[in-house]
Amino acid sequence: MTTKIIFGSNKLGNIRNEQLQATLVKFKLGTLLSAKKTEQGAMGQTMFIISTKGEFVFKGNPLYKGQLEEEKYFIEQLRQRTEVPVPIPYLIDDSTDIFGWKYALMPLLKGKHLTDSTLQHTMNTKDKCSIAQSIADALFAFHQWKVEDFGELDTHTLKITPFKTGYYQWLFDRILFWLEDARKYSKVTHDDLQWTKNLLEDSKEAFQRITSPTFVMGDFKPGNFLVQQKESSWSISGVFDFTNSFFGDPVSDLVKMLTYYLDNNEKVVAKHLVDAYFDKLTNKVDSITRLKVHMLHQKVLDWGNAKATKTVTWYDELPFYHWAGEYTQAMEDLFR
């Protein structure tokens, strides 16, 4: 389920304080003091809860059957395998008597989002590079969880279901499918399709040479992690939201943060991130080639979503291959 594109969510709807109190009673977590919905949760599934026993995150109304169980599995595995802070214990109420659907409670992790306004006004380039270093370290730690098969987690058996066509074919087909889908909402020309197919074909051998798939968070972005400053350096103080996690090419986890840095004119920080991560790798050439494809994948999704929802009007007249090409070329430029 984690590799499917989800465009909407069930959202929490109206939650009453007495319902939240009932959840706290179930897990012996004290008396409710306050609650509010989170600002960062794009899917509208989360709330902050403060009780006499502490601060928690409430997550409910699952997007699909097994979402909470799957996330709990990933979090518990990462807690055992890495030192990266994750929200544990991850408590699930299997009954539906309070809300009509399952929910989970987890501790609220300390720290601030990278996009926090106070951080943005006080951080200098050295601070931002320190955070980029900690991102590289956290992702590399995640990627030490190596498996035998490319695929996604079966939410019933908690075992990996391999991609039927193989990893690179699954990825290539996915990119072409969503580019074709974007034709419903925007102009996608023969040149756009040919440019995309050429880039995929040129990278095929690099993907075929991947010998060890790893855990991939799938959605490592500013809204899904927290940072803290300790003396003169920064560290990741929490990572959460593993709804999009699967087992594939680890370098794909860099794409959303590189996009964030490039879109905010922070090329120095973006370069620090790739240098910090790629210095740990042995086969850099193949990884750079694959990184371009993962950036293309993200740009196809971004283009289709933006055109379908009409939420942005950037580059109305610019061809897709030109717009996306600026990002894929930027991947090469960061290594010069």
C-alpha atoms as a PDB file:
ATOM      1  CA  MET A   1       0.000   0.000   0.000  1.00  0.00           C
ATOM      2  CA  THR A   2       2.844   2.387   0.735  1.00  0.00           C
ATOM      3  CA  THR A   3       3.886   2.877  -2.887  1.00  0.00           C
ATOM      4  CA  LYS A   4       0.427   3.917  -4.091  1.00  0.00           C
ATOM      5  CA  ILE A   5      -0.163   7.593  -4.794  1.00  0.00           C
ATOM      6  CA  ILE A   6      -2.722   8.930  -2.308  1.00  0.00           C
ATOM      7  CA  PHE A   7      -4.306  12.235  -3.348  1.00  0.00           C
ATOM      8  CA  GLY A   8      -6.751  12.607  -0.466  1.00  0.00           C
ATOM      9  CA  SER A   9      -7.397  11.373   3.028  1.00  0.00           C
ATOM     10  CA  ASN A  10     -10.247  10.550   5.357  1.00  0.00           C
ATOM     11  CA  LYS A  11      -9.187  13.301   7.783  1.00  0.00           C
ATOM     12  CA  LEU A  12     -10.190  13.309  11.433  1.00  0.00           C
ATOM     13  CA  GLY A  13     -13.363  15.332  11.230  1.00  0.00           C
ATOM     14  CA  ASN A  14     -14.794  16.738  14.461  1.00  0.00           C
ATOM     15  CA  ILE A  15     -13.153  15.222  17.536  1.00  0.00           C
ATOM     16  CA  ARG A  16     -14.724  15.806  20.964  1.00  0.00           C
ATOM     17  CA  ASN A  17     -12.691  16.205  24.136  1.00  0.00           C
ATOM     18  CA  GLU A  18     -14.576  13.365  25.810  1.00  0.00           C
ATOM     19  CA  GLN A  19     -13.453  11.053  23.005  1.00  0.00           C
ATOM     20  CA  LEU A  20      -9.834  12.057  23.500  1.00  0.00           C
ATOM     21  CA  GLN A  21     -10.193  11.560  27.242  1.00  0.00           C
ATOM     22  CA  ALA A  22     -11.494   8.053  26.573  1.00  0.00           C
ATOM     23  CA  THR A  23      -8.373   7.255  24.568  1.00  0.00           C
ATOM     24  CA  LEU A  24      -6.153   8.509  27.388  1.00  0.00           C
ATOM     25  CA  VAL A  25      -8.038   6.355  29.874  1.00  0.00           C
ATOM     26  CA  LYS A  26      -7.532   3.262  27.691  1.00  0.00           C
ATOM     27  CA  PHE A  27      -3.770   3.690  27.771  1.00  0.00           C
ATOM     28  CA  LYS A  28      -3.546   5.152  31.300  1.00  0.00           C
ATOM     29  CA  LEU A  29      -2.110   8.418  30.002  1.00  0.00           C
ATOM     30  CA  GLY A  30      -3.720  10.825  32.427  1.00  0.00           C
ATOM     31  CA  THR A  31      -6.297  13.591  32.133  1.00  0.00           C
ATOM     32  CA  LEU A  32      -6.734  15.706  28.993  1.00  0.00           C
ATOM     33  CA  LEU A  33      -5.472  19.281  29.353  1.00  0.00           C
ATOM     34  CA  SER A  34      -5.610  20.495  25.729  1.00  0.00           C
ATOM     35  CA  ALA A  35      -5.721  19.320  22.120  1.00  0.00           C
ATOM     36  CA  LYS A  36      -5.349  20.878  18.686  1.00  0.00           C
ATOM     37  CA  LYS A  37      -4.943  19.662  15.128  1.00  0.00           C
ATOM     38  CA  THR A  38      -1.437  19.790  13.687  1.00  0.00           C
ATOM     39  CA  GLU A  39      -0.497  22.364  11.073  1.00  0.00           C
ATOM     40  CA  GLN A  40       2.109  20.205   9.300  1.00  0.00           C
ATOM     41  CA  GLY A  41      -0.009  17.088   8.752  1.00  0.00           C
ATOM     42  CA  ALA A  42      -0.915  17.257   5.058  1.00  0.00           C
ATOM     43  CA  MET A  43      -3.316  14.325   5.311  1.00  0.00           C
ATOM     44  CA  GLY A  44      -5.271  15.794   8.218  1.00  0.00           C
ATOM     45  CA  GLN A  45      -4.853  12.673  10.328  1.00  0.00           C
ATOM     46  CA  THR A  46      -3.048  14.063  13.369  1.00  0.00           C
ATOM     47  CA  MET A  47      -3.602  16.083  16.540  1.00  0.00           C
ATOM     48  CA  PHE A  48      -1.419  17.247  19.429  1.00  0.00           C
ATOM     49  CA  ILE A  49      -2.644  16.165  22.846  1.00  0.00           C
ATOM     50  CA  ILE A  50      -1.398  17.390  26.212  1.00  0.00           C
ATOM     51  CA  SER A  51      -2.385  15.454  29.324  1.00  0.00           C
ATOM     52  CA  THR A  52      -1.281  15.283  32.924  1.00  0.00           C
ATOM     53  CA  LYS A  53       1.068  12.462  31.849  1.00  0.00           C
ATOM     54  CA  GLY A  54       2.793  14.196  28.945  1.00  0.00           C
ATOM     55  CA  GLU A  55       2.539  15.383  25.337  1.00  0.00           C
ATOM     56  CA  PHE A  56       1.372  13.067  22.571  1.00  0.00           C
ATOM     57  CA  VAL A  57       0.467  12.854  18.901  1.00  0.00           C
ATOM     58  CA  PHE A  58      -2.887  11.313  18.007  1.00  0.00           C
ATOM     59  CA  LYS A  59      -3.195   9.718  14.543  1.00  0.00           C
ATOM     60  CA  GLY A  60      -6.475   8.284  13.298  1.00  0.00           C
ATOM     61  CA  ASN A  61      -8.917   7.426  10.525  1.00  0.00           C
ATOM     62  CA  PRO A  62      -6.362   5.350   8.553  1.00  0.00           C
ATOM     63  CA  LEU A  63      -5.964   5.927   4.826  1.00  0.00           C
ATOM     64  CA  TYR A  64      -5.962   2.188   4.189  1.00  0.00           C
ATOM     65  CA  LYS A  65      -6.291  -1.026   6.139  1.00  0.00           C
ATOM     66  CA  GLY A  66      -3.060  -1.740   7.954  1.00  0.00           C
ATOM     67  CA  GLN A  67      -1.611   1.802   7.767  1.00  0.00           C
ATOM     68  CA  LEU A  68      -1.096   2.130  11.505  1.00  0.00           C
ATOM     69  CA  GLU A  69       0.243  -1.408  11.925  1.00  0.00           C
ATOM     70  CA  GLU A  70       2.661  -0.846   9.069  1.00  0.00           C
ATOM     71  CA  GLU A  71       3.938   2.412  10.536  1.00  0.00           C
ATOM     72  CA  LYS A  72       4.321   0.811  13.962  1.00  0.00           C
ATOM     73  CA  TYR A  73       6.400  -1.971  12.388  1.00  0.00           C
ATOM     74  CA  PHE A  74       8.720   0.460  10.605  1.00  0.00           C
ATOM     75  CA  ILE A  75       9.157   2.603  13.712  1.00  0.00           C
ATOM     76  CA  GLU A  76       9.957  -0.349  15.951  1.00  0.00           C
ATOM     77  CA  GLN A  77      12.418  -1.762  13.433  1.00  0.00           C
ATOM     78  CA  LEU A  78      14.201   1.578  13.022  1.00  0.00           C
ATOM     79  CA  ARG A  79      14.382   1.978  16.794  1.00  0.00           C
ATOM     80  CA  GLN A  80      16.188  -1.356  17.005  1.00  0.00           C
ATOM     81  CA  ARG A  81      18.427  -0.791  14.011  1.00  0.00           C
ATOM     82  CA  THR A  82      19.411   2.893  14.369  1.00  0.00           C
ATOM     83  CA  GLU A  83      19.892   5.664  16.893  1.00  0.00           C
ATOM     84  CA  VAL A  84      17.655   8.061  14.948  1.00  0.00           C
ATOM     85  CA  PRO A  85      14.862   9.304  17.276  1.00  0.00           C
ATOM     86  CA  VAL A  86      11.415   7.968  16.293  1.00  0.00           C
ATOM     87  CA  PRO A  87       8.075   8.166  18.142  1.00  0.00           C
ATOM     88  CA  ILE A  88       8.042   5.097  20.358  1.00  0.00           C
ATOM     89  CA  PRO A  89       6.067   3.558  21.986  1.00  0.00           C
ATOM     90  CA  TYR A  90       3.576   3.589  19.115  1.00  0.00           C
ATOM     91  CA  LEU A  91       0.287   2.556  20.710  1.00  0.00           C
ATOM     92  CA  ILE A  92      -2.632   1.301  18.593  1.00  0.00           C
ATOM     93  CA  ASP A  93      -6.221   0.843  19.724  1.00  0.00           C
ATOM     94  CA  ASP A  94      -7.558  -2.054  17.651  1.00  0.00           C
ATOM     95  CA  SER A  95     -11.150  -1.338  18.623  1.00  0.00           C
ATOM     96  CA  THR A  96     -13.359   1.206  16.874  1.00  0.00           C
ATOM     97  CA  ASP A  97     -15.772   1.923  19.727  1.00  0.00           C
ATOM     98  CA  ILE A  98     -14.655   5.522  20.352  1.00  0.00           C
ATOM     99  CA  PHE A  99     -14.363   7.014  16.858  1.00  0.00           C
ATOM    100  CA  GLY A 100     -15.619   4.342  14.500  1.00  0.00           C
ATOM    101  CA  TRP A 101     -12.076   3.774  13.232  1.00  0.00           C
ATOM    102  CA  LYS A 102      -8.660   2.768  14.608  1.00  0.00           C
ATOM    103  CA  TYR A 103      -6.193   5.284  15.962  1.00  0.00           C
ATOM    104  CA  ALA A 104      -2.667   5.448  17.378  1.00  0.00           C
ATOM    105  CA  LEU A 105      -0.994   7.444  20.132  1.00  0.00           C
ATOM    106  CA  MET A 106       2.701   8.209  20.232  1.00  0.00           C
ATOM    107  CA  PRO A 107       4.948  10.571  22.211  1.00  0.00           C
ATOM    108  CA  LEU A 108       5.460  14.091  20.883  1.00  0.00           C
ATOM    109  CA  LEU A 109       9.120  14.392  19.919  1.00  0.00           C
ATOM    110  CA  LYS A 110      11.112  17.465  20.892  1.00  0.00           C
ATOM    111  CA  GLY A 111      12.469  19.998  18.441  1.00  0.00           C
ATOM    112  CA  LYS A 112      11.330  22.296  15.664  1.00  0.00           C
ATOM    113  CA  HIS A 113      10.523  21.890  12.006  1.00  0.00           C
ATOM    114  CA  LEU A 114      13.124  23.186   9.583  1.00  0.00           C
ATOM    115  CA  THR A 115      10.534  25.637   8.247  1.00  0.00           C
ATOM    116  CA  ASP A 116       9.829  27.133  11.695  1.00  0.00           C
ATOM    117  CA  SER A 117       9.863  30.924  11.310  1.00  0.00           C
ATOM    118  CA  THR A 118      12.107  31.481  14.333  1.00  0.00           C
ATOM    119  CA  LEU A 119      14.691  29.082  12.935  1.00  0.00           C
ATOM    120  CA  GLN A 120      14.570  30.627   9.504  1.00  0.00           C
ATOM    121  CA  HIS A 121      15.347  34.062  10.951  1.00  0.00           C
ATOM    122  CA  THR A 122      18.205  32.928  13.171  1.00  0.00           C
ATOM    123  CA  MET A 123      20.048  30.229  11.207  1.00  0.00           C
ATOM    124  CA  ASN A 124      23.071  31.062   9.086  1.00  0.00           C
ATOM    125  CA  THR A 125      24.610  28.944   6.317  1.00  0.00           C
ATOM    126  CA  LYS A 126      26.816  27.102   8.812  1.00  0.00           C
ATOM    127  CA  ASP A 127      23.742  26.102  10.831  1.00  0.00           C
ATOM    128  CA  LYS A 128      21.910  24.946   7.709  1.00  0.00           C
ATOM    129  CA  CYS A 129      24.887  22.858   6.599  1.00  0.00           C
ATOM    130  CA  SER A 130      25.071  21.316  10.060  1.00  0.00           C
ATOM    131  CA  ILE A 131      21.431  20.267   9.701  1.00  0.00           C
ATOM    132  CA  ALA A 132      22.138  18.933   6.200  1.00  0.00           C
ATOM    133  CA  GLN A 133      24.931  16.831   7.690  1.00  0.00           C
ATOM    134  CA  SER A 134      22.578  15.393  10.298  1.00  0.00           C
ATOM    135  CA  ILE A 135      20.013  14.626   7.563  1.00  0.00           C
ATOM    136  CA  ALA A 136      22.664  12.727   5.603  1.00  0.00           C
ATOM    137  CA  ASP A 137      23.660  10.790   8.728  1.00  0.00           C
ATOM    138  CA  ALA A 138      20.049   9.910   9.593  1.00  0.00           C
ATOM    139  CA  LEU A 139      19.195   8.762   6.081  1.00  0.00           C
ATOM    140  CA  PHE A 140      22.376   6.750   5.769  1.00  0.00           C
ATOM    141  CA  ALA A 141      21.538   5.049   9.072  1.00  0.00           C
ATOM    142  CA  PHE A 142      18.055   4.200   7.750  1.00  0.00           C
ATOM    143  CA  HIS A 143      19.599   2.776   4.602  1.00  0.00           C
ATOM    144  CA  GLN A 144      21.711   0.272   6.490  1.00  0.00           C
ATOM    145  CA  TRP A 145      18.524  -1.787   6.804  1.00  0.00           C
ATOM    146  CA  LYS A 146      19.236  -3.967   3.780  1.00  0.00           C
ATOM    147  CA  VAL A 147      16.904  -6.629   2.397  1.00  0.00           C
ATOM    148  CA  GLU A 148      16.893  -9.164  -0.431  1.00  0.00           C
ATOM    149  CA  ASP A 149      13.887  -7.961  -2.420  1.00  0.00           C
ATOM    150  CA  PHE A 150      12.707  -4.668  -3.870  1.00  0.00           C
ATOM    151  CA  GLY A 151       9.115  -4.194  -2.844  1.00  0.00           C
ATOM    152  CA  GLU A 152       6.601  -2.966  -0.301  1.00  0.00           C
ATOM    153  CA  LEU A 153       5.462  -4.272   3.037  1.00  0.00           C
ATOM    154  CA  ASP A 154       2.420  -6.517   3.129  1.00  0.00           C
ATOM    155  CA  THR A 155       0.346  -4.979   5.916  1.00  0.00           C
ATOM    156  CA  HIS A 156      -1.132  -8.375   6.859  1.00  0.00           C
ATOM    157  CA  THR A 157       1.986 -10.549   6.999  1.00  0.00           C
ATOM    158  CA  LEU A 158       4.563  -7.751   7.584  1.00  0.00           C
ATOM    159  CA  LYS A 159       6.720  -9.352   4.916  1.00  0.00           C
ATOM    160  CA  ILE A 160       8.018  -7.775   1.712  1.00  0.00           C
ATOM    161  CA  THR A 161       5.938  -8.224  -1.427  1.00  0.00           C
ATOM    162  CA  PRO A 162       8.393  -7.921  -4.352  1.00  0.00           C
ATOM    163  CA  PHE A 163       7.566  -5.683  -7.301  1.00  0.00           C
ATOM    164  CA  LYS A 164       6.210  -8.039  -9.973  1.00  0.00           C
ATOM    165  CA  THR A 165       8.120  -6.472 -12.864  1.00  0.00           C
ATOM    166  CA  GLY A 166      11.306  -5.772 -10.917  1.00  0.00           C
ATOM    167  CA  TYR A 167      12.320  -2.484  -9.337  1.00  0.00           C
ATOM    168  CA  TYR A 168      13.588  -0.409 -12.219  1.00  0.00           C
ATOM    169  CA  GLN A 169      10.761  -1.491 -14.526  1.00  0.00           C
ATOM    170  CA  TRP A 170       8.223  -0.686 -11.797  1.00  0.00           C
ATOM    171  CA  LEU A 171       9.801   2.758 -11.349  1.00  0.00           C
ATOM    172  CA  PHE A 172      10.080   3.497 -15.075  1.00  0.00           C
ATOM    173  CA  ASP A 173       6.486   2.403 -15.731  1.00  0.00           C
ATOM    174  CA  ARG A 174       5.323   4.540 -12.841  1.00  0.00           C
ATOM    175  CA  ILE A 175       7.069   7.644 -14.190  1.00  0.00           C
ATOM    176  CA  LEU A 176       5.639   7.183 -17.684  1.00  0.00           C
ATOM    177  CA  PHE A 177       2.155   6.441 -16.322  1.00  0.00           C
ATOM    178  CA  TRP A 178       1.981   9.670 -14.334  1.00  0.00           C
ATOM    179  CA  LEU A 179       3.462  11.721 -17.148  1.00  0.00           C
ATOM    180  CA  GLU A 180       0.801  10.321 -19.456  1.00  0.00           C
ATOM    181  CA  ASP A 181      -1.819  11.058 -16.773  1.00  0.00           C
ATOM    182  CA  ALA A 182      -0.638  14.685 -16.662  1.00  0.00           C
ATOM    183  CA  ARG A 183      -1.867  15.070 -20.226  1.00  0.00           C
ATOM    184  CA  LYS A 184      -5.383  15.325 -18.797  1.00  0.00           C
ATOM    185  CA  TYR A 185      -4.477  18.606 -17.102  1.00  0.00           C
ATOM    186  CA  SER A 186      -1.561  20.071 -19.049  1.00  0.00           C
ATOM    187  CA  LYS A 187       0.286  20.077 -22.330  1.00  0.00           C
ATOM    188  CA  VAL A 188       2.664  17.117 -22.522  1.00  0.00           C
ATOM    189  CA  THR A 189       4.303  16.877 -25.936  1.00  0.00           C
ATOM    190  CA  HIS A 190       6.147  14.213 -27.906  1.00  0.00           C
ATOM    191  CA  ASP A 191       9.391  16.002 -26.997  1.00  0.00           C
ATOM    192  CA  ASP A 192       8.515  15.716 -23.290  1.00  0.00           C
ATOM    193  CA  LEU A 193       7.879  11.986 -23.601  1.00  0.00           C
ATOM    194  CA  GLN A 194      10.981  11.349 -25.696  1.00  0.00           C
ATOM    195  CA  TRP A 195      13.227  13.294 -23.318  1.00  0.00           C
ATOM    196  CA  THR A 196      11.838  11.296 -20.401  1.00  0.00           C
ATOM    197  CA  LYS A 197      12.258   7.951 -22.162  1.00  0.00           C
ATOM    198  CA  ASN A 198      15.844   8.813 -23.135  1.00  0.00           C
ATOM    199  CA  LEU A 199      16.752   9.669 -19.551  1.00  0.00           C
ATOM    200  CA  LEU A 200      15.236   6.397 -18.332  1.00  0.00           C
ATOM    201  CA  GLU A 201      16.950   4.327 -20.995  1.00  0.00           C
ATOM    202  CA  ASP A 202      20.329   5.909 -20.234  1.00  0.00           C
ATOM    203  CA  SER A 203      19.979   4.982 -16.559  1.00  0.00           C
ATOM    204  CA  LYS A 204      18.785   1.382 -16.964  1.00  0.00           C
ATOM    205  CA  GLU A 205      22.184  -0.239 -16.441  1.00  0.00           C
ATOM    206  CA  ALA A 206      22.806   1.815 -13.287  1.00  0.00           C
ATOM    207  CA  PHE A 207      19.560   0.484 -11.824  1.00  0.00           C
ATOM    208  CA  GLN A 208      20.309  -3.070 -12.920  1.00  0.00           C
ATOM    209  CA  ARG A 209      23.563  -2.959 -10.956  1.00  0.00           C
ATOM    210  CA  ILE A 210      21.867  -2.314  -7.589  1.00  0.00           C
ATOM    211  CA  THR A 211      22.634  -5.436  -5.577  1.00  0.00           C
ATOM    212  CA  SER A 212      21.154  -4.613  -2.193  1.00  0.00           C
ATOM    213  CA  PRO A 213      17.784  -2.854  -1.800  1.00  0.00           C
ATOM    214  CA  THR A 214      17.309  -0.958   1.450  1.00  0.00           C
ATOM    215  CA  PHE A 215      14.600   0.575   3.556  1.00  0.00           C
ATOM    216  CA  VAL A 216      13.435   3.850   1.979  1.00  0.00           C
ATOM    217  CA  MET A 217      11.415   6.325   4.043  1.00  0.00           C
ATOM    218  CA  GLY A 218       9.830   7.669   0.877  1.00  0.00           C
ATOM    219  CA  ASP A 219       8.774  11.050   2.282  1.00  0.00           C
ATOM    220  CA  PHE A 220      11.743  12.649   4.013  1.00  0.00           C
ATOM    221  CA  LYS A 221      10.825  16.336   3.909  1.00  0.00           C
ATOM    222  CA  PRO A 222      10.768  19.318   6.336  1.00  0.00           C
ATOM    223  CA  GLY A 223       7.301  18.445   7.633  1.00  0.00           C
ATOM    224  CA  ASN A 224       8.362  14.960   8.717  1.00  0.00           C
ATOM    225  CA  PHE A 225      11.369  15.595  10.926  1.00  0.00           C
ATOM    226  CA  LEU A 226      12.471  17.857  13.765  1.00  0.00           C
ATOM    227  CA  VAL A 227      15.825  19.423  14.617  1.00  0.00           C
ATOM    228  CA  GLN A 228      17.517  20.631  17.791  1.00  0.00           C
ATOM    229  CA  GLN A 229      20.661  22.620  18.439  1.00  0.00           C
ATOM    230  CA  LYS A 230      23.192  21.195  20.849  1.00  0.00           C
ATOM    231  CA  GLU A 231      26.045  23.597  21.592  1.00  0.00           C
ATOM    232  CA  SER A 232      27.518  24.516  18.202  1.00  0.00           C
ATOM    233  CA  SER A 233      25.945  21.753  16.093  1.00  0.00           C
ATOM    234  CA  TRP A 234      22.486  20.598  15.080  1.00  0.00           C
ATOM    235  CA  SER A 235      20.944  17.164  15.134  1.00  0.00           C
ATOM    236  CA  ILE A 236      17.793  15.395  14.000  1.00  0.00           C
ATOM    237  CA  SER A 237      15.627  15.124  17.115  1.00  0.00           C
ATOM    238  CA  GLY A 238      12.787  13.165  15.562  1.00  0.00           C
ATOM    239  CA  VAL A 239      11.587  11.524  12.350  1.00  0.00           C
ATOM    240  CA  PHE A 240       7.998  10.414  11.803  1.00  0.00           C
ATOM    241  CA  ASP A 241       5.313   9.546   9.222  1.00  0.00           C
ATOM    242  CA  PHE A 242       6.365   6.324   7.513  1.00  0.00           C
ATOM    243  CA  THR A 243       3.217   5.883   5.421  1.00  0.00           C
ATOM    244  CA  ASN A 244       5.225   6.013   2.165  1.00  0.00           C
ATOM    245  CA  SER A 245       8.051   3.686   3.187  1.00  0.00           C
ATOM    246  CA  PHE A 246       9.151   0.717   1.078  1.00  0.00           C
ATOM    247  CA  PHE A 247      12.317  -1.141   0.022  1.00  0.00           C
ATOM    248  CA  GLY A 248      14.189   0.244  -2.952  1.00  0.00           C
ATOM    249  CA  ASP A 249      17.001   2.562  -3.990  1.00  0.00           C
ATOM    250  CA  PRO A 250      18.252   4.530  -0.956  1.00  0.00           C
ATOM    251  CA  VAL A 251      19.338   7.666  -2.841  1.00  0.00           C
ATOM    252  CA  SER A 252      15.698   8.368  -3.682  1.00  0.00           C
ATOM    253  CA  ASP A 253      15.279   9.597  -0.087  1.00  0.00           C
ATOM    254  CA  LEU A 254      17.437  12.650  -0.868  1.00  0.00           C
ATOM    255  CA  VAL A 255      15.161  14.094  -3.534  1.00  0.00           C
ATOM    256  CA  LYS A 256      12.599  16.006  -1.461  1.00  0.00           C
ATOM    257  CA  MET A 257      15.225  17.769   0.638  1.00  0.00           C
ATOM    258  CA  LEU A 258      17.304  18.632  -2.427  1.00  0.00           C
ATOM    259  CA  THR A 259      14.171  20.062  -4.046  1.00  0.00           C
ATOM    260  CA  TYR A 260      13.494  22.094  -0.905  1.00  0.00           C
ATOM    261  CA  TYR A 261      17.008  23.536  -0.857  1.00  0.00           C
ATOM    262  CA  LEU A 262      17.090  24.297  -4.580  1.00  0.00           C
ATOM    263  CA  ASP A 263      13.665  25.947  -4.509  1.00  0.00           C
ATOM    264  CA  ASN A 264      14.869  28.153  -1.641  1.00  0.00           C
ATOM    265  CA  ASN A 265      18.072  29.150  -3.449  1.00  0.00           C
ATOM    266  CA  GLU A 266      20.252  27.236  -0.989  1.00  0.00           C
ATOM    267  CA  LYS A 267      22.531  25.452  -3.429  1.00  0.00           C
ATOM    268  CA  VAL A 268      25.435  25.513  -0.959  1.00  0.00           C
ATOM    269  CA  VAL A 269      23.355  23.579   1.568  1.00  0.00           C
ATOM    270  CA  ALA A 270      22.110  21.180  -1.119  1.00  0.00           C
ATOM    271  CA  LYS A 271      25.702  20.474  -2.139  1.00  0.00           C
ATOM    272  CA  HIS A 272      26.661  19.898   1.488  1.00  0.00           C
ATOM    273  CA  LEU A 273      23.859  17.328   1.778  1.00  0.00           C
ATOM    274  CA  VAL A 274      24.904  15.342  -1.293  1.00  0.00           C
ATOM    275  CA  ASP A 275      28.598  15.543  -0.363  1.00  0.00           C
ATOM    276  CA  ALA A 276      27.889  14.350   3.188  1.00  0.00           C
ATOM    277  CA  TYR A 277      25.770  11.437   1.983  1.00  0.00           C
ATOM    278  CA  PHE A 278      27.720  10.410  -1.112  1.00  0.00           C
ATOM    279  CA  ASP A 279      31.043  10.445   0.736  1.00  0.00           C
ATOM    280  CA  LYS A 280      29.742   7.323   2.460  1.00  0.00           C
ATOM    281  CA  LEU A 281      29.064   5.469  -0.822  1.00  0.00           C
ATOM    282  CA  THR A 282      31.414   3.342  -2.910  1.00  0.00           C
ATOM    283  CA  ASN A 283      29.698   3.523  -6.316  1.00  0.00           C
ATOM    284  CA  LYS A 284      29.008   7.229  -6.721  1.00  0.00           C
ATOM    285  CA  VAL A 285      28.642   7.307 -10.511  1.00  0.00           C
ATOM    286  CA  ASP A 286      25.699   4.906 -10.625  1.00  0.00           C
ATOM    287  CA  SER A 287      24.105   6.625  -7.641  1.00  0.00           C
ATOM    288  CA  ILE A 288      24.271  10.037  -9.319  1.00  0.00           C
ATOM    289  CA  THR A 289      22.684   8.603 -12.461  1.00  0.00           C
ATOM    290  CA  ARG A 290      19.870   7.078 -10.426  1.00  0.00           C
ATOM    291  CA  LEU A 291      19.401  10.267  -8.419  1.00  0.00           C
ATOM    292  CA  LYS A 292      18.496  12.089 -11.641  1.00  0.00           C
ATOM    293  CA  VAL A 293      15.752   9.552 -12.333  1.00  0.00           C
ATOM    294  CA  HIS A 294      14.362   9.861  -8.820  1.00  0.00           C
ATOM    295  CA  MET A 295      14.290  13.634  -9.251  1.00  0.00           C
ATOM    296  CA  LEU A 296      12.469  13.145 -12.560  1.00  0.00           C
ATOM    297  CA  HIS A 297       9.958  10.900 -10.769  1.00  0.00           C
ATOM    298  CA  GLN A 298       9.263  13.601  -8.188  1.00  0.00           C
ATOM    299  CA  LYS A 299       8.948  16.311 -10.816  1.00  0.00           C
ATOM    300  CA  VAL A 300       6.433  14.254 -12.804  1.00  0.00           C
ATOM    301  CA  LEU A 301       4.283  13.952  -9.689  1.00  0.00           C
ATOM    302  CA  ASP A 302       4.719  17.640  -8.823  1.00  0.00           C
ATOM    303  CA  TRP A 303       3.844  18.741 -12.352  1.00  0.00           C
ATOM    304  CA  GLY A 304       0.733  16.591 -12.580  1.00  0.00           C
ATOM    305  CA  ASN A 305      -0.514  17.596  -9.139  1.00  0.00           C
ATOM    306  CA  ALA A 306       0.086  21.312  -9.695  1.00  0.00           C
ATOM    307  CA  LYS A 307      -1.607  21.305 -13.087  1.00  0.00           C
ATOM    308  CA  ALA A 308      -4.563  19.225 -11.894  1.00  0.00           C
ATOM    309  CA  THR A 309      -5.265  21.322  -8.806  1.00  0.00           C
ATOM    310  CA  LYS A 310      -4.256  24.656 -10.372  1.00  0.00           C
ATOM    311  CA  THR A 311      -2.634  25.546  -7.047  1.00  0.00           C
ATOM    312  CA  VAL A 312       0.353  27.141  -8.737  1.00  0.00           C
ATOM    313  CA  THR A 313       0.904  28.830 -12.061  1.00  0.00           C
ATOM    314  CA  TRP A 314       4.652  28.521 -12.434  1.00  0.00           C
ATOM    315  CA  TYR A 315       6.033  28.024 -15.913  1.00  0.00           C
ATOM    316  CA  ASP A 316       2.656  28.006 -17.628  1.00  0.00           C
ATOM    317  CA  GLU A 317       4.311  28.194 -21.018  1.00  0.00           C
ATOM    318  CA  LEU A 318       7.461  26.191 -20.259  1.00  0.00           C
ATOM    319  CA  PRO A 319       7.584  22.615 -21.611  1.00  0.00           C
ATOM    320  CA  PHE A 320       7.740  19.856 -19.015  1.00  0.00           C
ATOM    321  CA  TYR A 321      11.121  18.596 -20.204  1.00  0.00           C
ATOM    322  CA  HIS A 322      12.561  22.092 -19.819  1.00  0.00           C
ATOM    323  CA  TRP A 323      11.197  22.605 -16.319  1.00  0.00           C
ATOM    324  CA  ALA A 324      12.042  19.104 -15.048  1.00  0.00           C
ATOM    325  CA  GLY A 325      15.352  19.206 -16.893  1.00  0.00           C
ATOM    326  CA  GLU A 326      16.514  22.106 -14.748  1.00  0.00           C
ATOM    327  CA  TYR A 327      16.179  19.875 -11.682  1.00  0.00           C
ATOM    328  CA  THR A 328      17.789  16.783 -13.189  1.00  0.00           C
ATOM    329  CA  GLN A 329      20.679  18.912 -14.475  1.00  0.00           C
ATOM    330  CA  ALA A 330      21.025  20.428 -11.000  1.00  0.00           C
ATOM    331  CA  MET A 331      21.715  16.924  -9.687  1.00  0.00           C
ATOM    332  CA  GLU A 332      24.788  16.708 -11.901  1.00  0.00           C
ATOM    333  CA  ASP A 333      25.863  20.257 -11.120  1.00  0.00           C
ATOM    334  CA  LEU A 334      25.915  19.542  -7.361  1.00  0.00           C
ATOM    335  CA  PHE A 335      28.763  17.077  -7.888  1.00  0.00           C
ATOM    336  CA  ARG A 336      31.044  19.448  -9.773  1.00  0.00           C
END
